[in-house]
């Protein structure tokens, strides 16, 4: 049976419970002990999109009837934002990052972690792990198509779309020898153009993170990829005024 992009999106709109009905364990973040790769792949085998990761958190949020202004969807860079600087996630800001995730996984989380929460906006920052090949080899077009799908799902549900730049990096510690600067730069060019052409809001963190060579500025990342508290504070100087404008 073949599916085109229109079929996928229409199915997502017509059956929002399809993605949200997966029975999976509640959030089980990596403990820091043992093999992270094994932890991640165990999730892939039982729940590829890791839809169950935030199941309990989502249920509690919905039960509280608290208004949701913006959901931050992403990978470990987004998850680390909440973990290292939780004071930013107040007043309707919700973090839904999962370490290691790629854009095909995030597409599967759009209904349960975004649409079901009924936010005014979604902030999507992804692509680092697509380049790393965390869930298998990916072409730039695969990443681009996934951004299109996520954006289309959000807009169809009257959710404003904010597309964030992939943060700079000299290298990925978990993928030794992989050239990353050029792929990041090329995807960011496409993301910027797509944001402008599709009516999304472009959020560019490079002016505050880039050291001028495509790597992180000293002191803003613990390993050249994942921001420190200072790194997140720098990012907040970019996103805070944008949120005020978009959510006004």
Protein backbone atom coordinates (compact mmCIF):
# COMPACT_ATOMS: atom_id res chain seq x y z
CA UNK A 1 0.00 0.00 0.00
CA UNK A 2 1.48 3.34 -1.01
CA UNK A 3 1.14 6.64 0.83
CA UNK A 4 1.91 10.12 -0.39
CA UNK A 5 2.40 13.17 1.80
CA UNK A 6 -1.23 14.27 1.41
CA UNK A 7 -2.47 10.85 2.53
CA UNK A 8 -0.24 10.95 5.61
CA UNK A 9 -1.37 14.41 6.67
CA UNK A 10 -5.05 13.76 6.01
CA UNK A 11 -4.80 10.61 8.10
CA UNK A 12 -3.21 12.55 10.93
CA UNK A 13 -6.01 15.12 10.86
CA UNK A 14 -8.80 12.59 10.55
CA UNK A 15 -7.60 10.22 13.29
CA UNK A 16 -5.81 12.15 16.05
CA UNK A 17 -6.25 9.23 18.44
CA UNK A 18 -4.20 6.95 16.22
CA UNK A 19 -0.89 8.37 17.43
CA UNK A 20 -2.12 9.17 20.93
CA UNK A 21 -3.50 5.70 21.64
CA UNK A 22 -0.18 3.89 21.77
CA UNK A 23 0.23 2.10 25.08
CA UNK A 24 3.75 2.76 26.30
CA UNK A 25 5.64 3.29 29.52
CA UNK A 26 5.61 6.73 31.09
CA UNK A 27 8.60 8.99 30.72
CA UNK A 28 11.80 7.06 31.32
CA UNK A 29 14.73 9.42 30.71
CA UNK A 30 18.22 8.00 30.51
CA UNK A 31 19.54 7.62 34.04
CA UNK A 32 23.13 8.37 33.10
CA UNK A 33 24.13 4.82 33.97
CA UNK A 34 24.74 2.08 31.44
CA UNK A 35 24.65 2.29 27.67
CA UNK A 36 22.71 5.28 26.27
CA UNK A 37 22.59 3.69 22.81
CA UNK A 38 20.94 0.58 24.22
CA UNK A 39 18.44 2.71 26.14
CA UNK A 40 17.54 4.62 22.99
CA UNK A 41 17.19 1.54 20.81
CA UNK A 42 15.05 -0.20 23.42
CA UNK A 43 12.60 2.68 23.01
CA UNK A 44 12.73 2.35 19.22
CA UNK A 45 11.75 -1.31 19.41
CA UNK A 46 8.68 -0.75 21.59
CA UNK A 47 7.65 2.78 20.57
CA UNK A 48 9.56 4.24 17.61
CA UNK A 49 8.21 7.76 18.02
CA UNK A 50 8.58 7.54 21.82
CA UNK A 51 4.99 8.73 22.09
CA UNK A 52 4.80 7.26 25.58
CA UNK A 53 7.73 9.34 26.85
CA UNK A 54 5.54 12.29 27.84
CA UNK A 55 2.24 10.40 28.20
CA UNK A 56 1.90 10.99 31.94
CA UNK A 57 3.06 14.60 31.71
CA UNK A 58 0.56 15.30 28.96
CA UNK A 59 -2.27 13.70 30.91
CA UNK A 60 -1.49 15.81 33.97
CA UNK A 61 -1.22 18.98 31.90
CA UNK A 62 -4.56 18.36 30.20
CA UNK A 63 -6.23 17.53 33.51
CA UNK A 64 -4.99 20.81 34.99
CA UNK A 65 -6.69 22.80 32.21
CA UNK A 66 -3.70 25.14 32.27
CA UNK A 67 -3.42 27.18 29.06
CA UNK A 68 -0.53 26.26 26.77
CA UNK A 69 1.03 29.08 24.79
CA UNK A 70 3.93 27.32 23.10
CA UNK A 71 5.33 23.78 23.03
CA UNK A 72 9.04 23.34 22.36
CA UNK A 73 9.42 20.20 20.24
CA UNK A 74 12.91 18.84 19.71
CA UNK A 75 15.75 16.57 20.71
CA UNK A 76 18.28 16.63 23.57
CA UNK A 77 19.03 20.31 22.99
CA UNK A 78 15.39 21.09 23.77
CA UNK A 79 15.15 18.52 26.58
CA UNK A 80 18.32 19.90 28.13
CA UNK A 81 16.83 23.39 27.99
CA UNK A 82 14.09 22.35 30.42
CA UNK A 83 16.46 20.30 32.57
CA UNK A 84 19.14 22.99 32.90
CA UNK A 85 16.97 26.12 32.90
CA UNK A 86 13.44 25.17 34.01
CA UNK A 87 12.66 28.74 35.05
CA UNK A 88 12.23 29.58 31.36
CA UNK A 89 9.37 27.09 31.06
CA UNK A 90 6.68 29.08 32.83
CA UNK A 91 3.63 31.06 31.73
CA UNK A 92 2.37 28.51 29.24
CA UNK A 93 5.74 27.32 27.87
CA UNK A 94 6.00 23.55 27.66
CA UNK A 95 9.11 21.48 26.89
CA UNK A 96 8.76 18.33 24.82
CA UNK A 97 12.30 17.48 23.81
CA UNK A 98 13.64 13.92 23.74
CA UNK A 99 17.33 13.18 23.62
CA UNK A 100 18.51 11.48 20.45
CA UNK A 101 15.35 12.03 18.44
CA UNK A 102 15.18 12.56 14.70
CA UNK A 103 12.51 14.35 12.65
CA UNK A 104 10.64 11.16 11.63
CA UNK A 105 10.13 10.43 15.31
CA UNK A 106 8.91 13.97 15.95
CA UNK A 107 6.37 13.67 13.14
CA UNK A 108 4.82 10.79 15.10
CA UNK A 109 4.66 12.95 18.24
CA UNK A 110 2.86 15.85 16.60
CA UNK A 111 -0.60 14.70 17.67
CA UNK A 112 0.07 13.57 21.24
CA UNK A 113 2.72 16.13 22.24
CA UNK A 114 1.54 19.14 20.24
CA UNK A 115 -1.98 19.08 18.78
CA UNK A 116 -3.64 17.43 21.78
CA UNK A 117 -2.21 20.12 24.10
CA UNK A 118 -3.88 22.85 21.99
CA UNK A 119 -1.01 25.35 22.10
CA UNK A 120 -1.03 28.67 20.30
CA UNK A 121 2.38 27.89 18.79
CA UNK A 122 4.98 25.16 18.35
CA UNK A 123 8.74 25.78 18.34
CA UNK A 124 10.48 23.09 16.27
CA UNK A 125 14.23 22.63 16.62
CA UNK A 126 15.51 19.48 14.95
CA UNK A 127 17.97 18.13 12.43
CA UNK A 128 21.10 17.49 14.49
CA UNK A 129 20.29 13.81 14.88
CA UNK A 130 19.10 13.46 11.29
CA UNK A 131 22.60 14.48 10.21
CA UNK A 132 24.05 12.06 12.78
CA UNK A 133 21.85 9.24 11.46
CA UNK A 134 20.53 8.27 14.88
CA UNK A 135 17.62 6.29 13.43
CA UNK A 136 19.32 5.36 10.18
CA UNK A 137 20.80 7.17 7.19
CA UNK A 138 18.82 10.24 6.08
CA UNK A 139 19.07 12.57 3.11
CA UNK A 140 18.48 16.32 3.49
CA UNK A 141 15.23 15.91 1.55
CA UNK A 142 13.94 13.45 4.15
CA UNK A 143 14.52 16.04 6.86
CA UNK A 144 12.94 18.77 4.74
CA UNK A 145 9.86 16.66 4.07
CA UNK A 146 9.44 15.96 7.77
CA UNK A 147 9.53 19.68 8.54
CA UNK A 148 6.86 20.20 5.89
CA UNK A 149 4.66 17.51 7.44
CA UNK A 150 5.06 18.87 10.99
CA UNK A 151 4.33 22.39 9.82
CA UNK A 152 1.27 21.31 7.83
CA UNK A 153 -0.16 19.38 10.79
CA UNK A 154 0.34 22.38 13.08
CA UNK A 155 -1.20 24.89 10.70
CA UNK A 156 -4.18 22.64 9.98
CA UNK A 157 -4.86 22.75 13.71
CA UNK A 158 -4.46 26.53 13.89
CA UNK A 159 -1.13 26.33 15.66
CA UNK A 160 1.50 28.90 14.72
CA UNK A 161 4.82 27.47 13.58
CA UNK A 162 8.23 28.65 14.76
CA UNK A 163 11.16 26.97 13.00
CA UNK A 164 14.50 27.22 14.80
CA UNK A 165 17.96 26.99 13.33
CA UNK A 166 20.02 23.90 14.02
CA UNK A 167 22.65 25.04 16.54
CA UNK A 168 26.27 25.24 15.37
CA UNK A 169 28.66 22.39 16.09
CA UNK A 170 32.25 21.55 15.30
CA UNK A 171 31.59 17.81 15.57
CA UNK A 172 29.22 15.29 17.15
CA UNK A 173 30.96 13.40 19.98
CA UNK A 174 28.77 10.32 19.40
CA UNK A 175 29.68 10.24 15.67
CA UNK A 176 33.48 10.60 15.54
CA UNK A 177 34.83 11.70 12.18
CA UNK A 178 31.50 12.83 10.74
CA UNK A 179 31.61 16.15 8.88
CA UNK A 180 28.79 18.24 10.31
CA UNK A 181 29.44 21.92 9.63
CA UNK A 182 28.43 21.90 5.98
CA UNK A 183 25.30 19.73 6.44
CA UNK A 184 24.14 21.97 9.29
CA UNK A 185 24.71 25.12 7.26
CA UNK A 186 22.90 23.70 4.22
CA UNK A 187 19.89 22.54 6.22
CA UNK A 188 19.71 25.89 7.98
CA UNK A 189 19.62 27.70 4.64
CA UNK A 190 16.73 25.51 3.55
CA UNK A 191 14.91 25.91 6.89
CA UNK A 192 15.20 29.70 6.73
CA UNK A 193 13.86 29.80 3.18
CA UNK A 194 11.06 27.38 4.02
CA UNK A 195 10.05 29.35 7.11
CA UNK A 196 9.78 32.54 5.06
CA UNK A 197 7.96 30.94 2.13
CA UNK A 198 5.49 29.01 4.30
CA UNK A 199 4.58 31.82 6.66
CA UNK A 200 6.34 30.28 9.67
CA UNK A 201 8.45 32.35 12.05
CA UNK A 202 12.19 31.90 11.64
CA UNK A 203 14.14 31.71 14.92
CA UNK A 204 17.86 32.11 14.32
CA UNK A 205 20.09 31.25 17.26
CA UNK A 206 23.31 31.44 15.28
CA UNK A 207 24.14 35.09 16.00
CA UNK A 208 24.39 34.33 19.72
CA UNK A 209 25.89 30.80 19.51
CA UNK A 210 28.20 30.71 16.48
CA UNK A 211 31.89 31.42 17.07
CA UNK A 212 32.27 32.57 13.48
CA UNK A 213 33.46 29.20 12.15
CA UNK A 214 30.27 27.18 12.53
CA UNK A 215 31.15 25.90 15.99
CA UNK A 216 29.74 26.86 19.39
CA UNK A 217 31.26 29.83 21.18
CA UNK A 218 33.50 28.83 24.11
CA UNK A 219 31.54 28.31 27.30
CA UNK A 220 28.15 27.94 25.60
CA UNK A 221 28.18 24.14 25.18
CA UNK A 222 29.33 21.31 27.41
CA UNK A 223 30.54 19.15 24.52
CA UNK A 224 30.41 21.43 21.52
CA UNK A 225 26.75 20.50 20.86
CA UNK A 226 24.62 20.69 24.00
CA UNK A 227 24.27 24.17 25.49
CA UNK A 228 25.32 25.12 28.99
CA UNK A 229 23.06 27.29 31.15
CA UNK A 230 24.86 30.28 29.62
CA UNK A 231 24.10 28.91 26.17
CA UNK A 232 20.41 28.61 26.94
CA UNK A 233 20.35 32.08 28.44
CA UNK A 234 21.84 33.40 25.20
CA UNK A 235 19.16 31.56 23.22
CA UNK A 236 16.46 33.07 25.43
CA UNK A 237 17.53 36.57 24.40
CA UNK A 238 16.55 35.54 20.87
CA UNK A 239 13.31 33.65 21.47
CA UNK A 240 11.73 35.77 24.22
CA UNK A 241 10.96 38.84 22.09
CA UNK A 242 9.80 36.59 19.25
CA UNK A 243 7.33 34.83 21.54
CA UNK A 244 5.99 38.15 22.76
CA UNK A 245 5.33 39.18 19.18
CA UNK A 246 3.94 35.87 17.94
CA UNK A 247 1.70 35.27 20.94
CA UNK A 248 0.45 38.85 21.28
